[in-house]
């Protein structure tokens, strides 16, 4: 093993961060650079002393160092995103990956993007009043929207967070469910609550609900309202009808921001072509003030197996259409 191939990390304490648990991060780096990597002290060694491989590893170390210095935890998704941006020589993408983050009051750590698609999504949330997050399950579109919303509401940038979604999956009227309106709709909004509970203490969440800073409402109850100075999240938007989507988008009042999230591969409406999300993508994509952010199976940040499952279903769908 030649010392000429050594890449110095600079800080010996960074070695465990770069290698990851059971050397998982190191295995990802090996897959990307296409050669075995060994670690010793504060140095990494390439098994194949190739100048281009060594140059890429050096760039990866420098870039990942910058992410660690900002407080990020290295993981497979971030490593792959950094590698891709370096391979494409895309400085803008690298800068966005480094700088995009959300500071949620009361939370010890910042919320960072874990892929280039997430970084672009966060950038859109900061710069546009209407943002569509479209992609498969596990790409962070709902989680990041909730984090962004909590930041704005807790810092009093906006007075209220309104959570809504179409209720079509149960196949029965809300009136048959027990409890008041909030209790009826709450199970359908569980994914949004899961995200909120992972971001702020339960006591904070409970207080916000008591003070009506957080409001939950089925989409059908939004008709006739004008939402001013609010942060509004429409989840599972693929299950809106065209009329519901138009109604929702025209509720947006002065000083409000609307985030619409959905997965066009999981439409539960009787007729797929009637989806309000598909119609909005076709109708509104050319409006500069509305941002559409798309993610794919490659952007899934859950268990890596989920990415493979989604890819398998996509492949079957494509072959079925042929």
Protein backbone atom coordinates (compact mmCIF):
# COMPACT_ATOMS: atom_id res chain seq x y z
CA UNK A 1 0.00 0.00 0.00
CA UNK A 2 1.75 3.18 -1.18
CA UNK A 3 1.78 6.36 0.95
CA UNK A 4 1.47 8.35 -2.28
CA UNK A 5 -2.18 7.32 -2.38
CA UNK A 6 -2.94 8.57 1.15
CA UNK A 7 -5.59 11.25 1.64
CA UNK A 8 -5.27 13.03 4.98
CA UNK A 9 -8.49 13.87 6.81
CA UNK A 10 -6.81 16.55 8.92
CA UNK A 11 -8.65 15.73 12.16
CA UNK A 12 -8.28 12.15 13.49
CA UNK A 13 -11.73 12.48 15.11
CA UNK A 14 -13.25 12.74 11.63
CA UNK A 15 -12.23 9.18 10.78
CA UNK A 16 -15.20 7.56 12.54
CA UNK A 17 -17.53 10.09 10.89
CA UNK A 18 -16.17 9.32 7.43
CA UNK A 19 -16.16 5.57 7.93
CA UNK A 20 -19.62 5.45 9.52
CA UNK A 21 -21.11 2.65 11.60
CA UNK A 22 -19.47 -0.65 10.60
CA UNK A 23 -17.67 1.27 7.83
CA UNK A 24 -20.95 1.82 5.95
CA UNK A 25 -19.89 5.25 4.63
CA UNK A 26 -16.56 3.85 3.52
CA UNK A 27 -18.33 1.10 1.57
CA UNK A 28 -20.40 3.75 -0.25
CA UNK A 29 -17.25 5.72 -1.12
CA UNK A 30 -15.65 2.51 -2.41
CA UNK A 31 -18.65 1.80 -4.63
CA UNK A 32 -18.59 5.33 -6.06
CA UNK A 33 -14.84 5.53 -6.65
CA UNK A 34 -14.63 1.87 -7.75
CA UNK A 35 -11.75 0.79 -5.56
CA UNK A 36 -11.16 -0.44 -2.02
CA UNK A 37 -10.37 2.21 0.60
CA UNK A 38 -8.47 1.49 3.81
CA UNK A 39 -8.23 3.74 6.85
CA UNK A 40 -5.39 4.24 9.30
CA UNK A 41 -5.07 7.05 11.84
CA UNK A 42 -6.31 10.18 10.09
CA UNK A 43 -5.54 8.87 6.61
CA UNK A 44 -7.43 7.05 3.87
CA UNK A 45 -5.59 4.83 1.38
CA UNK A 46 -6.73 3.78 -2.08
CA UNK A 47 -5.99 0.17 -2.93
CA UNK A 48 -5.51 1.14 -6.58
CA UNK A 49 -3.17 4.12 -6.80
CA UNK A 50 -4.99 5.84 -9.66
CA UNK A 51 -4.59 9.61 -10.00
CA UNK A 52 -8.19 10.26 -11.04
CA UNK A 53 -9.54 8.14 -8.15
CA UNK A 54 -7.25 9.86 -5.69
CA UNK A 55 -8.28 13.29 -7.01
CA UNK A 56 -11.97 12.42 -6.60
CA UNK A 57 -11.45 11.06 -3.07
CA UNK A 58 -9.56 14.22 -2.12
CA UNK A 59 -12.40 16.39 -3.44
CA UNK A 60 -14.94 14.23 -1.61
CA UNK A 61 -13.03 14.56 1.66
CA UNK A 62 -12.77 18.35 1.31
CA UNK A 63 -16.47 18.73 0.46
CA UNK A 64 -17.71 16.34 3.15
CA UNK A 65 -15.42 18.09 5.64
CA UNK A 66 -17.32 21.30 4.93
CA UNK A 67 -20.64 19.54 5.60
CA UNK A 68 -19.41 18.10 8.90
CA UNK A 69 -18.16 21.54 9.97
CA UNK A 70 -21.70 22.87 9.44
CA UNK A 71 -23.10 20.22 11.77
CA UNK A 72 -24.30 17.65 9.26
CA UNK A 73 -24.09 13.93 9.93
CA UNK A 74 -22.64 12.01 7.02
CA UNK A 75 -24.92 9.36 5.52
CA UNK A 76 -25.22 7.41 2.29
CA UNK A 77 -27.64 9.82 0.61
CA UNK A 78 -25.46 12.88 1.29
CA UNK A 79 -22.29 11.10 0.15
CA UNK A 80 -23.96 10.08 -3.12
CA UNK A 81 -25.34 13.59 -3.66
CA UNK A 82 -21.92 15.18 -3.10
CA UNK A 83 -20.26 12.66 -5.43
CA UNK A 84 -22.79 13.36 -8.18
CA UNK A 85 -22.39 17.13 -7.90
CA UNK A 86 -18.60 16.75 -8.05
CA UNK A 87 -18.81 14.37 -11.02
CA UNK A 88 -21.01 16.91 -12.82
CA UNK A 89 -18.71 19.75 -11.70
CA UNK A 90 -21.85 21.56 -10.57
CA UNK A 91 -20.67 24.23 -8.12
CA UNK A 92 -24.17 25.63 -7.71
CA UNK A 93 -25.52 22.24 -6.65
CA UNK A 94 -22.61 21.75 -4.21
CA UNK A 95 -23.19 25.19 -2.69
CA UNK A 96 -26.92 24.52 -2.32
CA UNK A 97 -26.22 21.19 -0.62
CA UNK A 98 -23.92 22.93 1.88
CA UNK A 99 -26.05 25.96 2.64
CA UNK A 100 -29.66 24.72 2.57
CA UNK A 101 -30.97 24.08 6.08
CA UNK A 102 -33.86 24.83 8.43
CA UNK A 103 -33.49 26.00 12.03
CA UNK A 104 -36.58 24.92 13.98
CA UNK A 105 -36.82 26.80 17.33
CA UNK A 106 -36.49 24.43 20.26
CA UNK A 107 -34.64 21.81 18.24
CA UNK A 108 -30.95 21.20 18.98
CA UNK A 109 -29.94 20.35 15.41
CA UNK A 110 -30.64 21.98 12.07
CA UNK A 111 -32.64 20.12 9.46
CA UNK A 112 -30.37 19.51 6.46
CA UNK A 113 -31.20 18.17 2.99
CA UNK A 114 -30.04 14.62 2.35
CA UNK A 115 -30.04 14.82 -1.43
CA UNK A 116 -29.70 17.40 -4.19
CA UNK A 117 -33.46 17.16 -4.84
CA UNK A 118 -34.15 18.00 -1.19
CA UNK A 119 -31.75 20.94 -1.34
CA UNK A 120 -33.58 22.35 -4.39
CA UNK A 121 -36.89 21.77 -2.57
CA UNK A 122 -35.69 23.74 0.48
CA UNK A 123 -34.52 26.52 -1.79
CA UNK A 124 -37.98 26.63 -3.39
CA UNK A 125 -39.66 26.77 0.04
CA UNK A 126 -37.53 29.81 0.89
CA UNK A 127 -38.23 31.64 -2.36
CA UNK A 128 -41.77 30.80 -3.54
CA UNK A 129 -45.21 31.23 -2.00
CA UNK A 130 -46.67 28.22 -3.82
CA UNK A 131 -44.56 25.06 -4.06
CA UNK A 132 -45.50 21.61 -5.32
CA UNK A 133 -43.43 18.73 -3.93
CA UNK A 134 -44.02 15.73 -6.21
CA UNK A 135 -42.40 12.36 -5.71
CA UNK A 136 -42.62 8.87 -4.20
CA UNK A 137 -42.91 8.02 -0.52
CA UNK A 138 -39.77 8.52 1.55
CA UNK A 139 -38.27 11.45 -0.38
CA UNK A 140 -38.80 13.92 2.49
CA UNK A 141 -41.32 16.17 0.75
CA UNK A 142 -43.78 16.19 3.69
CA UNK A 143 -41.13 16.21 6.44
CA UNK A 144 -39.28 19.21 5.01
CA UNK A 145 -42.53 21.11 4.40
CA UNK A 146 -43.54 20.57 8.04
CA UNK A 147 -40.09 21.64 9.30
CA UNK A 148 -40.24 24.80 7.19
CA UNK A 149 -43.78 25.53 8.40
CA UNK A 150 -42.90 25.05 12.08
CA UNK A 151 -39.95 27.42 11.70
CA UNK A 152 -42.18 30.13 10.23
CA UNK A 153 -44.94 29.71 12.81
CA UNK A 154 -42.69 29.39 15.87
CA UNK A 155 -40.73 32.50 14.82
CA UNK A 156 -44.08 34.28 14.24
CA UNK A 157 -43.33 34.89 10.59
CA UNK A 158 -46.83 33.49 10.01
CA UNK A 159 -49.63 33.29 12.53
CA UNK A 160 -51.02 29.83 11.85
CA UNK A 161 -50.25 26.43 10.34
CA UNK A 162 -53.18 24.84 8.50
CA UNK A 163 -52.93 21.14 7.65
CA UNK A 164 -55.32 19.56 5.17
CA UNK A 165 -55.70 16.61 2.84
CA UNK A 166 -58.46 14.95 0.82
CA UNK A 167 -60.15 12.10 2.65
CA UNK A 168 -60.82 9.37 0.13
CA UNK A 169 -58.95 6.27 1.31
CA UNK A 170 -61.37 5.05 3.98
CA UNK A 171 -64.28 4.61 1.62
CA UNK A 172 -66.75 5.94 4.17
CA UNK A 173 -68.06 9.26 5.36
CA UNK A 174 -66.25 11.13 8.12
CA UNK A 175 -69.58 11.30 9.91
CA UNK A 176 -69.30 7.61 10.81
CA UNK A 177 -66.01 8.15 12.64
CA UNK A 178 -66.16 8.88 16.40
CA UNK A 179 -65.34 12.26 17.94
CA UNK A 180 -65.40 15.87 16.83
CA UNK A 181 -64.10 17.13 13.48
CA UNK A 182 -60.47 17.29 14.64
CA UNK A 183 -60.65 13.73 15.97
CA UNK A 184 -62.31 12.49 12.77
CA UNK A 185 -59.66 13.92 10.45
CA UNK A 186 -56.65 13.35 12.73
CA UNK A 187 -55.94 9.74 11.60
CA UNK A 188 -55.69 10.91 8.01
CA UNK A 189 -53.13 13.54 9.00
CA UNK A 190 -51.00 11.12 11.02
CA UNK A 191 -47.98 11.43 8.67
CA UNK A 192 -47.94 15.20 9.26
CA UNK A 193 -48.18 14.71 13.01
CA UNK A 194 -45.38 12.15 12.94
CA UNK A 195 -43.17 14.74 11.24
CA UNK A 196 -44.10 17.46 13.75
CA UNK A 197 -43.51 15.20 16.75
CA UNK A 198 -40.02 14.36 15.48
CA UNK A 199 -39.20 18.06 15.13
CA UNK A 200 -40.57 19.74 18.28
CA UNK A 201 -41.36 18.53 21.82
CA UNK A 202 -44.84 17.17 22.39
CA UNK A 203 -45.55 19.93 24.93
CA UNK A 204 -44.86 22.57 22.29
CA UNK A 205 -47.09 20.81 19.79
CA UNK A 206 -49.90 20.44 22.36
CA UNK A 207 -49.66 24.13 23.29
CA UNK A 208 -49.83 25.17 19.63
CA UNK A 209 -52.96 23.08 19.16
CA UNK A 210 -54.60 24.53 22.29
CA UNK A 211 -53.86 28.05 21.08
CA UNK A 212 -55.18 27.15 17.60
CA UNK A 213 -51.83 27.98 16.06
CA UNK A 214 -52.16 24.59 14.38
CA UNK A 215 -55.45 23.89 12.63
CA UNK A 216 -56.47 20.67 10.93
CA UNK A 217 -59.27 20.49 8.39
CA UNK A 218 -60.46 18.10 5.70
CA UNK A 219 -60.10 19.63 2.26
CA UNK A 220 -63.87 19.74 1.74
CA UNK A 221 -64.18 22.18 4.66
CA UNK A 222 -61.80 24.71 3.04
CA UNK A 223 -64.41 25.98 0.59
CA UNK A 224 -65.36 29.63 1.08
CA UNK A 225 -62.38 30.44 3.33
CA UNK A 226 -59.65 33.01 2.75
CA UNK A 227 -56.40 32.08 4.46
CA UNK A 228 -54.33 35.16 5.30
CA UNK A 229 -50.90 35.14 6.97
CA UNK A 230 -50.96 31.32 7.14
CA UNK A 231 -48.71 28.44 6.23
CA UNK A 232 -50.92 25.86 4.50
CA UNK A 233 -49.88 22.29 3.70
CA UNK A 234 -52.01 20.14 1.40
CA UNK A 235 -50.80 16.55 1.73
CA UNK A 236 -51.68 13.57 -0.51
CA UNK A 237 -52.64 16.04 -3.23
CA UNK A 238 -52.75 13.28 -5.87
CA UNK A 239 -56.17 12.40 -4.43
CA UNK A 240 -57.71 15.81 -5.00
CA UNK A 241 -60.09 16.30 -7.88
CA UNK A 242 -59.49 19.10 -10.36
CA UNK A 243 -62.23 21.13 -8.69
CA UNK A 244 -60.77 20.59 -5.21
CA UNK A 245 -57.29 21.66 -6.34
CA UNK A 246 -58.65 24.84 -7.90
CA UNK A 247 -60.68 25.54 -4.77
CA UNK A 248 -57.63 25.02 -2.52
CA UNK A 249 -55.27 27.19 -4.57
CA UNK A 250 -57.76 30.04 -4.63
CA UNK A 251 -58.01 30.02 -0.81
CA UNK A 252 -54.48 31.43 -0.52
CA UNK A 253 -54.68 34.91 0.98
CA UNK A 254 -52.26 37.75 1.60
CA UNK A 255 -49.03 36.80 3.38
CA UNK A 256 -49.67 33.07 3.09
CA UNK A 257 -47.56 30.22 1.73
CA UNK A 258 -48.99 26.99 0.33
CA UNK A 259 -47.10 23.71 -0.02
CA UNK A 260 -48.75 20.92 -2.00
CA UNK A 261 -47.24 17.44 -1.70
CA UNK A 262 -48.21 14.28 -3.52
CA UNK A 263 -47.18 11.06 -5.19
CA UNK A 264 -48.64 10.61 -8.67
CA UNK A 265 -48.01 6.84 -8.52
CA UNK A 266 -50.46 6.43 -5.63
CA UNK A 267 -53.69 7.93 -6.91
CA UNK A 268 -56.74 6.43 -5.17
CA UNK A 269 -59.38 8.27 -7.18
CA UNK A 270 -61.73 6.13 -9.30
CA UNK A 271 -60.24 7.65 -12.44
CA UNK A 272 -56.56 8.56 -12.44
CA UNK A 273 -56.92 11.23 -15.11
CA UNK A 274 -59.22 13.24 -12.81
CA UNK A 275 -56.40 13.87 -10.30
CA UNK A 276 -56.13 17.54 -9.41
CA UNK A 277 -52.38 17.17 -8.96
CA UNK A 278 -51.82 15.80 -12.47
CA UNK A 279 -54.02 18.55 -13.87
CA UNK A 280 -52.15 21.26 -11.90
CA UNK A 281 -48.78 19.99 -13.17
CA UNK A 282 -50.05 20.25 -16.73
CA UNK A 283 -51.84 23.57 -16.30
CA UNK A 284 -49.60 25.60 -13.96
CA UNK A 285 -46.02 24.51 -14.71
CA UNK A 286 -45.31 27.59 -16.86
CA UNK A 287 -46.22 30.10 -14.13
CA UNK A 288 -42.86 31.44 -12.82
CA UNK A 289 -44.20 32.25 -9.33
CA UNK A 290 -45.21 28.62 -8.77
CA UNK A 291 -42.40 26.12 -8.24
CA UNK A 292 -42.66 22.41 -9.01
CA UNK A 293 -40.02 20.23 -7.32
CA UNK A 294 -39.74 16.62 -8.45
CA UNK A 295 -38.02 13.70 -6.78
CA UNK A 296 -37.54 10.09 -7.87
CA UNK A 297 -36.88 6.70 -6.31
CA UNK A 298 -33.18 7.65 -6.22
CA UNK A 299 -34.03 10.41 -3.71
CA UNK A 300 -35.66 8.09 -1.16
CA UNK A 301 -34.06 8.64 2.26
CA UNK A 302 -35.75 5.87 4.20
CA UNK A 303 -34.47 2.31 4.44
CA UNK A 304 -32.44 1.66 1.23
CA UNK A 305 -34.77 -1.26 0.58
CA UNK A 306 -37.64 1.20 0.00
CA UNK A 307 -35.71 2.68 -2.93
CA UNK A 308 -35.39 -0.77 -4.50
CA UNK A 309 -39.08 -1.53 -3.93
CA UNK A 310 -40.18 1.72 -5.60
CA UNK A 311 -37.83 1.12 -8.54
CA UNK A 312 -39.25 -2.40 -8.99
CA UNK A 313 -42.82 -1.09 -9.08
CA UNK A 314 -41.82 1.66 -11.54
CA UNK A 315 -40.15 -0.91 -13.81
CA UNK A 316 -43.28 -3.10 -13.72
CA UNK A 317 -45.45 -0.08 -14.54
CA UNK A 318 -43.28 0.81 -17.55
CA UNK A 319 -43.26 -2.78 -18.88
CA UNK A 320 -47.02 -2.98 -18.37
CA UNK A 321 -47.53 0.13 -20.51
CA UNK A 322 -45.53 -1.27 -23.40
